[in-house]
Amino acid sequence: MTRPVSRWTILVVLCASLFIVALDATVLHVAVPALTEDLRPGSQDLLWIVDAYPLIAASLLILFGTLGDRIGRRRVLLMGYALFGAASAMAAFAPTPHVLIAARALLGAGGAMIMPATLSILRQVFPDRRERATAIGVWSAVAAVGAAIGPVLGGFLVEHFWWGSVFLVNIPLMAVMLPLGRLLLPESRGSHDGPWDLAGAAAAAVGILGAVFGVKRFGAGASPIDPSVFVPLLLGLALLVFFVRRQRRLAHPLIDVRMFAQAAFSTSVGCIVLAMLALVGLELIAVQYLQLVLGLSPLDTGLRLLPLTFAAIAAGLAGSRALARFGPRRMVGGGFLLTALAVLSLTAMGENDRPMLLTTVFVALGFGLEATLFGAYESMLSHAPAHRAGGAAAVGETAYQLGAGLGIALLGSVMNATYAPHARGVDAADTTAAGQSLGGAYDVANRIGGTPGAALRHAARHSFVHGLHMTLLVSAVLLLSGACAARRLPRVMECGAGEERVPSAEPAGASGPGANAGAELPWPVRRRPDGVHGVRPGAANRGAVAPTSARPGAVRSGRARD
């Protein structure tokens, strides 16, 4: 008989998997100058080196998330480990830009296997919603830590070794995770009814790829009527419409689009998109502000952003208690309002440094955004059927990536529209060049020198700060609209009937036909004699529960013993 594995041990393995993917998403940023000097990529090649990973990851999330529901989530996760490790070796020793682009694309495919699998296995391993909320809080905090450590680790590796070492570090990590995951993680599957919809999976992958690519091209400054923007965007949207209509017709769809008819599920997905819309574009502009306006070094810029990361970690770890006490509606809505207040406070920043104000605002930003994302992810996952956990996780991760891409496009467009420096004594050609970016304006000012150069530098700084303020106002409007949308979420965190049936969970190492049927969960679950329950806001710490009718033969929700 297989020895039971604690579900908290399983959570550690899942969080380690997510940590590596989150780390790899940001570790390349500081290596770009070094690899540019070595490989000499063109401007388009460099764009693809940076964008290949998020583009491929976003496009394949639904494919691999639903495939995991069908063939086994652990199996897909282990394949992701193997692909991620192999692609890391390929990227580390890439001799040409094109090989590096291909390796980054394979890394994106590996990440798309890993990300939804971790969240869907977590959904299966923690059937009790209160414990699952705690697990999701830890999961999201680990993601924040990985994203924060990425640039620091990348800078250390590039400084002491070479740019390929930022990829090479993944190989020993994956060499440990592969046998550890096979040994400790349980296998779980969703419904096995009907054939897997390969045509639908391909349409979703190509549709998301086209839509995200078009949005990224627009965010990079391309015109909306540029064929590189509207062709992939229209093609992507057309394929996504085809995918949705196809899923409605199929008896056994990849994604049960009826989930979106539930206000809690669809609103949670929308809140994830809105939160990322505000966060990613704003973060990109904030980094430019800290370095180019305030004159901070890259290291000082990273240190200034650390309070945001620490606040996000704290919010993730405290999320379970907050969700049980306040409920999804107030937690997500309150997170949006706190973030909007922080964003509006940033409009007090000008061309002079105010470190105390920045630190306070970044703490509020980190706490508010993490509270929003935590509440939205938990509500989305809890209102999806357990056997559709992989597809639901993929939808959430796709919403995250889509929101990030749209945020860069939208807020970047606002900045581009409002940033227009003009100075007396500067000709039209130099003014146009200065209007491309603040860094470009500084180059022009240094070249022309004298009084006109100084005037252009001052005008560029002033115009950038004005554009930042406009961007902050647009971001605040998006966040306030998210707070309004959050009113459609449930008022209480309910642990209700129909949530805890786990149709197929296999102990680690189980395989073969029929391995799912009647398998014992590989973690102990205590059944409550009083049936399922709902938690009232404010009652979580007092142990108050509202009993409801129990379903015979179901695994009841309740705090389990390890």
Protein backbone atom coordinates (compact mmCIF):
# COMPACT_ATOMS: atom_id res chain seq x y z
CA MET A 1 0.00 0.00 0.00
CA THR A 2 1.32 3.46 -0.91
CA ARG A 3 2.34 5.51 2.10
CA PRO A 4 0.05 8.57 2.44
CA VAL A 5 1.70 11.89 1.64
CA SER A 6 0.75 14.99 3.61
CA ARG A 7 -1.09 17.49 1.46
CA TRP A 8 1.15 20.21 2.92
CA THR A 9 4.17 18.34 1.59
CA ILE A 10 2.44 18.25 -1.78
CA LEU A 11 1.92 22.02 -1.50
CA VAL A 12 5.67 22.52 -0.96
CA VAL A 13 6.41 20.62 -4.19
CA LEU A 14 3.79 22.59 -6.12
CA CYS A 15 5.11 25.90 -4.78
CA ALA A 16 8.68 24.94 -5.71
CA SER A 17 7.44 24.29 -9.27
CA LEU A 18 5.74 27.68 -9.45
CA PHE A 19 8.76 29.42 -7.92
CA ILE A 20 11.00 28.21 -10.76
CA VAL A 21 8.55 29.37 -13.45
CA ALA A 22 8.03 32.77 -11.77
CA LEU A 23 11.79 33.16 -11.39
CA ASP A 24 12.39 32.42 -15.06
CA ALA A 25 9.78 34.98 -16.13
CA THR A 26 11.90 37.86 -14.76
CA VAL A 27 15.47 36.55 -14.53
CA LEU A 28 16.21 37.36 -18.21
CA HIS A 29 15.53 41.10 -17.86
CA VAL A 30 18.98 41.98 -16.51
CA ALA A 31 20.74 39.60 -18.94
CA VAL A 32 19.47 41.32 -22.10
CA PRO A 33 22.41 43.77 -22.44
CA ALA A 34 24.96 40.97 -22.00
CA LEU A 35 23.36 38.58 -24.48
CA THR A 36 22.87 41.45 -26.94
CA GLU A 37 26.60 42.16 -26.84
CA ASP A 38 27.44 38.47 -27.32
CA LEU A 39 24.85 37.27 -29.89
CA ARG A 40 24.32 40.61 -31.68
CA PRO A 41 20.58 40.07 -32.37
CA GLY A 42 18.68 42.52 -34.54
CA SER A 43 15.88 44.63 -33.07
CA GLN A 44 13.22 42.15 -34.20
CA ASP A 45 15.25 39.19 -32.93
CA LEU A 46 15.67 40.87 -29.54
CA LEU A 47 11.93 41.50 -29.37
CA TRP A 48 11.27 37.82 -30.03
CA ILE A 49 13.88 36.72 -27.47
CA VAL A 50 11.99 38.66 -24.81
CA ASP A 51 8.43 37.94 -26.00
CA ALA A 52 8.66 34.30 -27.13
CA TYR A 53 8.28 32.96 -23.59
CA PRO A 54 5.10 34.86 -22.55
CA LEU A 55 3.53 34.54 -26.01
CA ILE A 56 3.88 30.76 -26.21
CA ALA A 57 3.00 30.27 -22.54
CA ALA A 58 -0.20 32.29 -22.88
CA SER A 59 -1.27 30.50 -26.07
CA LEU A 60 -0.76 26.96 -24.70
CA LEU A 61 -2.23 27.32 -21.21
CA ILE A 62 -5.72 26.14 -22.19
CA LEU A 63 -4.33 23.31 -24.32
CA PHE A 64 -2.18 21.83 -21.57
CA GLY A 65 -4.60 22.67 -18.76
CA THR A 66 -7.39 20.70 -20.40
CA LEU A 67 -4.99 17.95 -21.51
CA GLY A 68 -4.07 17.48 -17.86
CA ASP A 69 -7.74 17.01 -17.00
CA ARG A 70 -7.83 14.23 -19.56
CA ILE A 71 -4.53 12.31 -19.29
CA GLY A 72 -3.47 13.26 -15.76
CA ARG A 73 -2.29 16.52 -14.22
CA ARG A 74 0.81 15.04 -12.63
CA ARG A 75 1.80 13.50 -15.95
CA VAL A 76 1.57 16.87 -17.72
CA LEU A 77 3.46 18.53 -14.86
CA LEU A 78 6.31 16.02 -15.07
CA MET A 79 6.51 16.47 -18.84
CA GLY A 80 6.69 20.21 -18.19
CA TYR A 81 9.62 19.69 -15.82
CA ALA A 82 11.50 17.66 -18.43
CA LEU A 83 10.82 20.14 -21.26
CA PHE A 84 11.71 23.12 -19.07
CA GLY A 85 15.05 21.59 -18.11
CA ALA A 86 15.94 20.61 -21.68
CA ALA A 87 14.95 24.02 -23.06
CA SER A 88 17.02 25.74 -20.34
CA ALA A 89 20.13 23.83 -21.47
CA MET A 90 19.39 24.77 -25.09
CA ALA A 91 18.99 28.46 -24.16
CA ALA A 92 22.12 28.57 -21.98
CA PHE A 93 24.37 27.44 -24.82
CA ALA A 94 22.48 29.01 -27.74
CA PRO A 95 25.02 29.98 -30.43
CA THR A 96 22.66 32.24 -32.40
CA PRO A 97 19.66 34.48 -31.69
CA HIS A 98 17.34 32.12 -33.59
CA VAL A 99 18.32 29.14 -31.41
CA LEU A 100 17.72 31.26 -28.32
CA ILE A 101 14.29 32.29 -29.62
CA ALA A 102 13.38 28.63 -30.19
CA ALA A 103 14.61 27.72 -26.71
CA ARG A 104 12.58 30.53 -25.16
CA ALA A 105 9.50 29.25 -27.02
CA LEU A 106 10.09 25.75 -25.60
CA LEU A 107 10.50 27.27 -22.14
CA GLY A 108 7.11 28.92 -22.64
CA ALA A 109 5.60 25.55 -23.57
CA GLY A 110 7.12 23.99 -20.45
CA GLY A 111 5.78 26.83 -18.32
CA ALA A 112 2.32 26.34 -19.84
CA MET A 113 2.44 22.70 -18.72
CA ILE A 114 3.56 23.57 -15.20
CA MET A 115 1.44 26.60 -14.25
CA PRO A 116 -2.15 25.28 -14.62
CA ALA A 117 -1.10 21.83 -13.36
CA THR A 118 0.10 23.23 -10.03
CA LEU A 119 -3.16 25.09 -9.43
CA SER A 120 -5.43 22.22 -10.52
CA ILE A 121 -3.57 19.67 -8.36
CA LEU A 122 -3.86 22.12 -5.47
CA ARG A 123 -7.63 22.25 -6.11
CA GLN A 124 -7.81 18.46 -5.83
CA VAL A 125 -5.50 18.04 -2.84
CA PHE A 126 -7.31 20.64 -0.71
CA PRO A 127 -11.03 19.81 -0.92
CA ASP A 128 -11.84 21.98 2.12
CA ARG A 129 -12.22 25.55 0.93
CA ARG A 130 -10.75 27.15 4.04
CA GLU A 131 -7.58 25.09 3.79
CA ARG A 132 -7.50 25.63 0.04
CA ALA A 133 -7.60 29.39 0.61
CA THR A 134 -4.57 29.07 2.88
CA ALA A 135 -2.80 26.98 0.23
CA ILE A 136 -3.58 29.49 -2.53
CA GLY A 137 -2.25 32.27 -0.29
CA VAL A 138 1.06 30.43 0.10
CA TRP A 139 1.06 29.62 -3.64
CA SER A 140 0.57 33.26 -4.63
CA ALA A 141 3.15 34.49 -2.09
CA VAL A 142 5.73 32.11 -3.56
CA ALA A 143 4.98 33.47 -7.04
CA ALA A 144 5.66 37.00 -5.77
CA VAL A 145 8.95 35.89 -4.19
CA GLY A 146 10.07 34.18 -7.40
CA ALA A 147 9.28 37.22 -9.54
CA ALA A 148 11.13 39.50 -7.08
CA ILE A 149 14.23 37.31 -6.79
CA GLY A 150 14.53 36.84 -10.56
CA PRO A 151 16.26 40.16 -11.39
CA VAL A 152 18.49 39.96 -8.29
CA LEU A 153 19.62 36.42 -9.08
CA GLY A 154 20.02 37.25 -12.75
CA GLY A 155 22.20 40.25 -11.95
CA PHE A 156 24.43 38.15 -9.68
CA LEU A 157 24.82 35.40 -12.26
CA VAL A 158 25.55 37.75 -15.17
CA GLU A 159 28.07 39.69 -13.09
CA HIS A 160 29.98 36.59 -11.94
CA PHE A 161 29.48 34.19 -14.89
CA TRP A 162 27.87 34.80 -18.31
CA TRP A 163 24.38 35.47 -19.59
CA GLY A 164 23.65 31.78 -20.23
CA SER A 165 23.93 31.04 -16.51
CA VAL A 166 20.48 32.60 -15.95
CA PHE A 167 19.08 29.59 -17.84
CA LEU A 168 21.59 27.04 -16.63
CA VAL A 169 20.43 27.44 -13.02
CA ASN A 170 17.10 25.81 -13.98
CA ILE A 171 18.70 22.46 -14.85
CA PRO A 172 19.68 21.24 -11.34
CA LEU A 173 16.36 22.54 -10.00
CA MET A 174 14.40 20.52 -12.56
CA ALA A 175 16.66 17.51 -12.02
CA VAL A 176 15.49 17.54 -8.39
CA MET A 177 11.83 18.36 -9.11
CA LEU A 178 11.30 15.56 -11.65
CA PRO A 179 11.91 12.57 -9.31
CA LEU A 180 10.46 14.45 -6.34
CA GLY A 181 7.23 15.19 -8.21
CA ARG A 182 6.95 11.60 -9.41
CA LEU A 183 7.45 10.32 -5.87
CA LEU A 184 5.26 12.71 -3.90
CA LEU A 185 2.58 14.20 -6.14
CA PRO A 186 -0.75 12.38 -6.56
CA GLU A 187 -2.20 11.79 -10.00
CA SER A 188 -5.61 13.28 -10.64
CA ARG A 189 -7.83 13.55 -13.67
CA GLY A 190 -11.10 15.12 -14.65
CA SER A 191 -13.79 13.67 -16.87
CA HIS A 192 -12.80 10.93 -19.36
CA ASP A 193 -16.06 11.20 -21.33
CA GLY A 194 -15.73 11.65 -25.08
CA PRO A 195 -12.65 12.34 -27.23
CA TRP A 196 -10.26 15.19 -26.50
CA ASP A 197 -11.09 18.10 -28.81
CA LEU A 198 -7.80 18.56 -30.64
CA ALA A 199 -9.28 21.01 -33.18
CA GLY A 200 -10.67 23.16 -30.37
CA ALA A 201 -7.37 23.09 -28.48
CA ALA A 202 -5.47 24.17 -31.62
CA ALA A 203 -7.99 26.97 -32.32
CA ALA A 204 -7.66 28.27 -28.76
CA ALA A 205 -3.84 28.15 -28.91
CA VAL A 206 -3.54 29.97 -32.24
CA GLY A 207 -6.34 32.39 -31.33
CA ILE A 208 -4.74 33.44 -28.05
CA LEU A 209 -1.31 33.65 -29.72
CA GLY A 210 -2.67 35.97 -32.42
CA ALA A 211 -4.63 38.15 -30.00
CA VAL A 212 -1.77 38.55 -27.53
CA PHE A 213 0.78 39.15 -30.30
CA GLY A 214 -1.40 41.87 -31.84
CA VAL A 215 -1.86 43.54 -28.47
CA LYS A 216 1.88 43.41 -27.75
CA ARG A 217 2.72 44.93 -31.14
CA PHE A 218 0.26 47.76 -30.45
CA GLY A 219 1.78 48.27 -27.00
CA ALA A 220 5.26 48.45 -28.56
CA GLY A 221 4.15 51.53 -30.50
CA ALA A 222 2.84 50.08 -33.78
CA SER A 223 -0.18 51.78 -35.34
CA PRO A 224 -3.58 50.09 -34.95
CA ILE A 225 -3.86 49.95 -38.75
CA ASP A 226 -0.44 48.31 -39.09
CA PRO A 227 -0.93 44.81 -40.58
CA SER A 228 1.29 43.37 -37.84
CA VAL A 229 -1.32 44.56 -35.33
CA PHE A 230 -4.77 44.13 -36.85
CA VAL A 231 -4.16 40.94 -38.89
CA PRO A 232 -3.08 38.70 -35.98
CA LEU A 233 -5.56 40.43 -33.67
CA LEU A 234 -8.56 39.86 -35.96
CA LEU A 235 -7.46 36.32 -36.79
CA GLY A 236 -7.00 35.55 -33.11
CA LEU A 237 -10.41 36.96 -32.15
CA ALA A 238 -12.10 35.05 -34.99
CA LEU A 239 -10.51 31.77 -33.83
CA LEU A 240 -11.52 32.44 -30.22
CA VAL A 241 -15.14 33.05 -31.32
CA PHE A 242 -14.98 29.77 -33.25
CA PHE A 243 -13.57 28.03 -30.17
CA VAL A 244 -16.37 29.29 -27.89
CA ARG A 245 -19.10 28.31 -30.37
CA ARG A 246 -17.53 24.89 -30.85
CA GLN A 247 -17.35 24.28 -27.12
CA ARG A 248 -21.04 25.15 -26.77
CA ARG A 249 -21.96 22.52 -29.38
CA LEU A 250 -19.82 19.67 -28.07
CA ALA A 251 -21.22 17.17 -25.62
CA HIS A 252 -17.82 16.92 -23.91
CA PRO A 253 -16.07 20.29 -24.37
CA LEU A 254 -12.51 21.19 -23.40
CA ILE A 255 -13.77 24.21 -21.44
CA ASP A 256 -17.30 24.16 -20.15
CA VAL A 257 -18.25 27.69 -21.19
CA ARG A 258 -21.31 27.40 -18.98
CA MET A 259 -18.93 28.17 -16.10
CA PHE A 260 -18.93 31.77 -17.35
CA ALA A 261 -22.68 31.91 -16.76
CA GLN A 262 -21.87 31.81 -13.03
CA ALA A 263 -21.42 35.39 -11.86
CA ALA A 264 -18.70 34.40 -9.38
CA PHE A 265 -16.57 32.63 -12.00
CA SER A 266 -16.86 35.17 -14.82
CA THR A 267 -16.44 38.13 -12.46
CA SER A 268 -13.33 36.58 -10.92
CA VAL A 269 -11.77 36.13 -14.36
CA GLY A 270 -12.63 39.73 -15.24
CA CYS A 271 -11.11 40.99 -11.99
CA ILE A 272 -7.85 39.16 -12.75
CA VAL A 273 -7.70 40.88 -16.16
CA LEU A 274 -8.41 44.32 -14.67
CA ALA A 275 -5.86 43.90 -11.87
CA MET A 276 -3.14 42.92 -14.34
CA LEU A 277 -4.17 45.74 -16.68
CA ALA A 278 -3.37 48.21 -13.92
CA LEU A 279 -0.30 46.45 -12.51
CA VAL A 280 2.00 45.49 -15.39
CA GLY A 281 1.83 48.66 -17.50
CA LEU A 282 2.10 50.80 -14.37
CA GLU A 283 5.11 48.83 -13.11
CA LEU A 284 6.90 49.25 -16.43
CA ILE A 285 6.39 53.02 -16.39
CA ALA A 286 7.29 53.26 -12.68
CA VAL A 287 10.68 51.63 -13.34
CA GLN A 288 11.41 54.23 -16.03
CA TYR A 289 10.34 57.00 -13.66
CA LEU A 290 12.64 55.79 -10.87
CA GLN A 291 15.66 55.42 -13.15
CA LEU A 292 15.28 58.23 -15.69
CA VAL A 293 13.48 60.95 -13.72
CA LEU A 294 14.78 60.35 -10.19
CA GLY A 295 18.15 59.09 -11.45
CA LEU A 296 18.26 55.90 -9.37
CA SER A 297 20.58 53.04 -10.31
CA PRO A 298 19.11 49.65 -11.30
CA LEU A 299 20.03 48.28 -7.87
CA ASP A 300 18.42 51.21 -6.05
CA THR A 301 15.35 50.84 -8.27
CA GLY A 302 15.05 47.17 -7.29
CA LEU A 303 15.40 48.07 -3.62
CA ARG A 304 12.69 50.74 -3.92
CA LEU A 305 10.32 48.13 -5.36
CA LEU A 306 11.00 45.59 -2.59
CA PRO A 307 8.31 47.01 -0.23
CA LEU A 308 5.73 46.22 -2.93
CA THR A 309 6.92 42.61 -3.07
CA PHE A 310 7.03 42.18 0.72
CA ALA A 311 3.53 43.63 1.06
CA ALA A 312 2.28 41.22 -1.62
CA ILE A 313 3.81 38.28 0.25
CA ALA A 314 2.18 39.39 3.50
CA ALA A 315 -1.20 39.79 1.79
CA GLY A 316 -0.93 36.32 0.28
CA LEU A 317 -0.11 34.70 3.61
CA ALA A 318 -2.92 36.57 5.39
CA GLY A 319 -5.38 36.03 2.53
CA SER A 320 -7.07 32.93 3.92
CA ARG A 321 -8.11 34.58 7.18
CA ALA A 322 -9.13 37.78 5.42
CA LEU A 323 -11.25 35.89 2.88
CA ALA A 324 -13.01 33.90 5.60
CA ARG A 325 -13.65 37.04 7.64
CA PHE A 326 -14.70 39.49 4.93
CA GLY A 327 -15.84 37.26 2.04
CA PRO A 328 -14.82 37.46 -1.65
CA ARG A 329 -16.88 40.56 -2.45
CA ARG A 330 -15.39 42.78 0.21
CA MET A 331 -11.87 41.38 -0.10
CA VAL A 332 -11.59 41.81 -3.87
CA GLY A 333 -13.50 45.12 -3.88
CA GLY A 334 -11.45 46.43 -0.96
CA GLY A 335 -8.22 45.39 -2.66
CA PHE A 336 -9.20 47.32 -5.79
CA LEU A 337 -10.13 50.41 -3.73
CA LEU A 338 -6.87 50.31 -1.74
CA THR A 339 -4.88 49.97 -4.96
CA ALA A 340 -6.79 52.83 -6.61
CA LEU A 341 -6.09 55.05 -3.59
CA ALA A 342 -2.39 54.18 -3.76
CA VAL A 343 -2.28 54.90 -7.50
CA LEU A 344 -3.95 58.28 -7.03
CA SER A 345 -1.46 59.09 -4.25
CA LEU A 346 1.37 58.61 -6.73
CA THR A 347 0.16 61.69 -8.63
CA ALA A 348 1.76 63.70 -5.80
CA MET A 349 5.16 62.59 -7.12
CA GLY A 350 6.95 65.07 -9.34
CA GLU A 351 10.51 65.51 -10.55
CA ASN A 352 11.94 65.34 -7.02
CA ASP A 353 12.38 62.21 -4.92
CA ARG A 354 10.00 61.58 -2.01
CA PRO A 355 11.14 58.19 -0.65
CA MET A 356 8.74 57.96 2.29
CA LEU A 357 5.71 58.62 0.08
CA LEU A 358 6.94 56.09 -2.50
CA THR A 359 7.54 53.41 0.13
CA THR A 360 4.10 53.91 1.69
CA VAL A 361 2.38 53.84 -1.68
CA PHE A 362 4.26 50.74 -2.84
CA VAL A 363 3.25 48.90 0.34
CA ALA A 364 -0.39 49.80 -0.28
CA LEU A 365 -0.05 48.79 -3.96
CA GLY A 366 1.44 45.41 -3.14
CA PHE A 367 -1.08 44.60 -0.44
CA GLY A 368 -4.10 45.79 -2.43
CA LEU A 369 -3.21 44.04 -5.68
CA GLU A 370 -2.30 40.75 -3.99
CA ALA A 371 -5.55 40.82 -1.98
CA THR A 372 -7.45 41.36 -5.24
CA LEU A 373 -5.67 38.62 -7.16
CA PHE A 374 -5.84 36.18 -4.25
CA GLY A 375 -9.58 36.66 -3.74
CA ALA A 376 -10.28 36.46 -7.48
CA TYR A 377 -8.20 33.30 -8.02
CA GLU A 378 -9.69 31.56 -4.98
CA SER A 379 -13.26 32.43 -5.94
CA MET A 380 -12.72 31.39 -9.58
CA LEU A 381 -11.20 28.05 -8.64
CA SER A 382 -13.79 27.28 -5.96
CA HIS A 383 -16.72 27.92 -8.29
CA ALA A 384 -15.37 25.61 -11.00
CA PRO A 385 -16.22 21.89 -10.89
CA ALA A 386 -13.40 19.78 -9.45
CA HIS A 387 -13.19 17.67 -12.62
CA ARG A 388 -12.70 20.88 -14.64
CA ALA A 389 -9.95 22.23 -12.37
CA GLY A 390 -7.27 22.10 -15.08
CA GLY A 391 -9.38 24.05 -17.55
CA ALA A 392 -10.38 26.58 -14.89
CA ALA A 393 -6.76 27.09 -13.83
CA ALA A 394 -5.79 27.58 -17.48
CA VAL A 395 -8.53 30.19 -17.91
CA GLY A 396 -7.23 32.08 -14.87
CA GLU A 397 -3.62 31.99 -16.04
CA THR A 398 -4.68 33.07 -19.55
CA ALA A 399 -6.62 35.99 -18.05
CA TYR A 400 -3.45 36.92 -16.13
CA GLN A 401 -1.30 36.91 -19.28
CA LEU A 402 -3.94 38.69 -21.37
CA GLY A 403 -4.36 41.40 -18.72
CA ALA A 404 -0.60 41.92 -18.61
CA GLY A 405 -0.41 42.30 -22.39
CA LEU A 406 -3.39 44.64 -22.55
CA GLY A 407 -2.02 46.70 -19.67
CA ILE A 408 1.27 47.38 -21.44
CA ALA A 409 -0.62 48.25 -24.63
CA LEU A 410 -3.24 50.50 -23.01
CA LEU A 411 -1.14 52.36 -20.44
CA GLY A 412 1.81 52.53 -22.83
CA SER A 413 -0.47 54.15 -25.41
CA VAL A 414 -1.66 56.73 -22.86
CA MET A 415 1.95 57.57 -22.03
CA ASN A 416 2.91 57.82 -25.71
CA ALA A 417 -0.06 60.10 -26.41
CA THR A 418 0.75 62.52 -23.58
CA TYR A 419 4.56 62.49 -23.70
CA ALA A 420 5.54 65.25 -26.16
CA PRO A 421 8.54 67.34 -25.05
CA HIS A 422 9.17 70.68 -26.76
CA ALA A 423 11.99 73.14 -26.11
CA ARG A 424 13.00 76.45 -27.70
CA GLY A 425 16.00 76.18 -29.97
CA VAL A 426 15.49 72.48 -30.80
CA ASP A 427 14.69 71.66 -34.44
CA ALA A 428 11.79 69.46 -35.58
CA ALA A 429 13.91 66.36 -36.25
CA ASP A 430 15.45 66.42 -32.77
CA THR A 431 12.05 67.12 -31.20
CA THR A 432 10.61 64.08 -32.97
CA ALA A 433 13.51 61.92 -31.81
CA ALA A 434 13.11 63.18 -28.24
CA GLY A 435 9.41 62.30 -28.35
CA GLN A 436 10.15 58.59 -28.83
CA SER A 437 11.21 58.01 -25.22
CA LEU A 438 12.68 59.79 -22.22
CA GLY A 439 15.98 57.96 -22.68
CA GLY A 440 16.03 59.06 -26.32
CA ALA A 441 15.37 62.65 -25.24
CA TYR A 442 18.37 62.53 -22.92
CA ASP A 443 20.56 61.27 -25.79
CA VAL A 444 19.40 64.13 -28.01
CA ALA A 445 19.95 66.66 -25.20
CA ASN A 446 23.48 65.41 -24.61
CA ARG A 447 24.24 65.58 -28.31
CA ILE A 448 23.04 69.15 -28.91
CA GLY A 449 24.34 70.41 -25.54
CA GLY A 450 24.27 74.00 -24.33
CA THR A 451 21.15 75.86 -23.30
CA PRO A 452 18.86 74.09 -25.82
CA GLY A 453 20.06 70.68 -24.54
CA ALA A 454 19.40 71.64 -20.93
CA ALA A 455 15.97 73.03 -21.85
CA LEU A 456 15.10 69.83 -23.76
CA ARG A 457 16.17 67.65 -20.80
CA HIS A 458 13.98 69.69 -18.45
CA ALA A 459 11.02 69.65 -20.88
CA ALA A 460 11.34 65.89 -21.37
CA ARG A 461 11.34 65.23 -17.61
CA HIS A 462 8.33 67.50 -17.13
CA SER A 463 6.44 65.91 -20.03
CA PHE A 464 7.19 62.39 -18.76
CA VAL A 465 5.89 63.23 -15.28
CA HIS A 466 2.73 64.69 -16.87
CA GLY A 467 2.29 61.51 -18.91
CA LEU A 468 2.84 59.43 -15.76
CA HIS A 469 0.06 61.35 -13.98
CA MET A 470 -2.34 60.76 -16.88
CA THR A 471 -1.43 57.07 -16.88
CA LEU A 472 -2.06 56.89 -13.14
CA LEU A 473 -5.51 58.43 -13.58
CA VAL A 474 -6.43 55.88 -16.28
CA SER A 475 -5.12 53.09 -14.08
CA ALA A 476 -7.22 54.36 -11.16
CA VAL A 477 -10.34 54.34 -13.36
CA LEU A 478 -9.65 50.72 -14.30
CA LEU A 479 -9.20 49.79 -10.65
CA LEU A 480 -12.41 51.55 -9.60
CA SER A 481 -14.29 49.71 -12.36
CA GLY A 482 -12.86 46.50 -10.90
CA ALA A 483 -14.19 47.47 -7.47
CA CYS A 484 -17.64 47.95 -9.02
CA ALA A 485 -17.42 44.60 -10.83
CA ALA A 486 -16.46 42.87 -7.56
CA ARG A 487 -19.98 43.57 -6.24
CA ARG A 488 -21.11 40.57 -8.31
CA LEU A 489 -18.94 38.22 -6.25
CA PRO A 490 -20.46 36.23 -3.36
CA ARG A 491 -20.73 38.11 -0.08
CA VAL A 492 -19.59 35.13 1.98
CA MET A 493 -16.95 32.46 1.54
CA GLU A 494 -19.16 29.38 1.26
CA CYS A 495 -17.91 25.82 1.69
CA GLY A 496 -21.00 24.29 0.15
CA ALA A 497 -22.30 21.04 -1.23
CA GLY A 498 -21.08 19.73 -4.51
CA GLU A 499 -17.63 21.15 -3.99
CA GLU A 500 -15.73 18.33 -2.43
CA ARG A 501 -16.37 15.36 -4.73
CA VAL A 502 -13.01 14.40 -6.20
CA PRO A 503 -13.86 12.03 -9.05
CA SER A 504 -10.36 10.82 -9.78
CA ALA A 505 -7.32 11.05 -7.59
CA GLU A 506 -4.55 8.49 -7.67
CA PRO A 507 -1.76 7.94 -5.18
CA ALA A 508 1.70 8.89 -6.36
CA GLY A 509 2.98 6.23 -8.67
CA ALA A 510 -0.42 4.77 -9.60
CA SER A 511 -0.97 4.20 -13.28
CA GLY A 512 -2.77 2.07 -15.77
CA PRO A 513 -6.41 1.63 -16.74
CA GLY A 514 -8.80 1.80 -13.89
CA ALA A 515 -6.25 3.33 -11.54
CA ASN A 516 -8.68 6.17 -10.87
CA ALA A 517 -11.65 4.08 -9.97
CA GLY A 518 -12.34 4.04 -6.29
CA ALA A 519 -8.83 5.20 -5.44
CA GLU A 520 -8.22 6.44 -1.93
CA LEU A 521 -7.09 10.01 -1.61
CA PRO A 522 -3.36 9.99 -0.79
CA TRP A 523 -3.93 12.38 2.11
CA PRO A 524 -6.17 11.81 5.14
CA VAL A 525 -9.52 13.63 5.21
CA ARG A 526 -11.73 13.72 8.28
CA ARG A 527 -15.41 13.48 7.48
CA ARG A 528 -17.67 15.77 9.45
CA PRO A 529 -20.84 14.21 10.82
CA ASP A 530 -22.72 17.46 10.47
CA GLY A 531 -22.22 17.75 6.71
CA VAL A 532 -20.99 20.67 4.70
CA HIS A 533 -20.97 24.21 5.93
CA GLY A 534 -20.66 27.87 4.99
CA VAL A 535 -18.50 30.41 6.76
CA ARG A 536 -20.06 33.71 7.70
CA PRO A 537 -17.93 36.86 7.46
CA GLY A 538 -16.47 37.59 10.87
CA ALA A 539 -17.14 34.08 12.11
CA ALA A 540 -13.99 32.36 10.91
CA ASN A 541 -12.04 32.90 14.11
CA ARG A 542 -14.96 31.99 16.33
CA GLY A 543 -15.57 28.65 14.65
CA ALA A 544 -19.16 29.51 13.77
CA VAL A 545 -20.62 27.41 10.95
CA ALA A 546 -23.95 27.27 9.22
CA PRO A 547 -24.92 23.61 8.73
CA THR A 548 -26.64 22.55 5.55
CA SER A 549 -27.92 19.26 4.26
CA ALA A 550 -25.33 16.59 3.59
CA ARG A 551 -25.08 14.43 0.52
CA PRO A 552 -24.75 10.75 1.37
CA GLY A 553 -21.45 9.26 0.27
CA ALA A 554 -19.73 12.61 -0.38
CA VAL A 555 -16.50 13.68 1.24
CA ARG A 556 -17.57 16.53 3.51
CA SER A 557 -15.62 19.72 3.79
CA GLY A 558 -13.92 20.29 7.08
CA ARG A 559 -10.47 20.75 8.54
CA ALA A 560 -8.48 17.63 7.89
CA ARG A 561 -5.72 16.08 9.93
CA ASP A 562 -2.30 15.30 8.48
